[in-house]
Amino acid sequence: MSIIEKLTGLKRSETQVKKSLKAIGLKRLKVGHVPSKADLDKQEKFIEEELEPRIEEAESGQRKLFFVDAAHFVLAPFLGFLWCFARVFIKAPAGRQRFNVLGALDAITHELITITNDTYINAHSFIDLLYKITSRNFSVPVTLVLDNARYQKCKIVWAVAKLPDIELLYIPAYSPDLNLIERLWKFVKKKCQYSIYYPDFASFKNAITDCLSNTGTKYKKEPDSLVTLKFQRFKKEQFLN
């Protein structure tokens, strides 16, 4: 307000300033973030030249398109917000056991194919996922959109994917916003972890497994609204220096 007064000679309250900003179409939006090393030009080129043509083929039934990524669900307190008269506390479980899920999300049907374990995800986990996908015997070409994790970008994975002629399409580095399945992981974490206490690891795993298995039925509406085939396009003028 002091800057406005200095520039115009007019003294305005915070309420008056808010009304004026809204009147000219401005909105109070939370500042977003993208990895500092993200190459916006490469992202745009990838969307236009690689992703969109395959999406068109998938929509017309000429290709199966999956978005692949791993999520690591940790048995730890995830604190959310509640409307309450007094602050509420949840118990914090001991340890930090992880339930790992490597998933392939169908871009069109939103079918989810998964490999899970309690240890870690590696190239052999990815190969297991490839076998699960190929067991569906699709009659059209298959493309997996995935990031550049080492276990997904190694010779043994390339060799196994080559046999059934599965295309591995790697997104540009530092571009998690281009992987559709990331939105599904956020939904699962919100549904199963925020402000929820689990007495043991077994009940924690069961809750996540149940949520994942019902993303196409019981929880279909919200995930479907999140995993639409629209990707954030960034402009350099949107960034603060």
Foldseek 3Di string as FASTA:
>chain_A
DVVCCVVPVDDDDPVRVVVVCVVVPDDDDDDDDFPPPDDQVQQVCCCVPPNVVQVVCVVVVQEWEWFKDKDKDWQFAAEDDDDDPDDDDDDTDPDTWIKMWIWIATLPLRDIDIDIDRPDDALVRVLVSVVVVCVVVDPHAYEYEYEPPPRCDDDVNVVSCPVVVHHYHYRDPRCPQQRLCVQVSVVLCVVQHYPDHDPDPVVSVVSSVVCNVCCNPPVVPVSVVRRHPDTDRDDPVSDDD
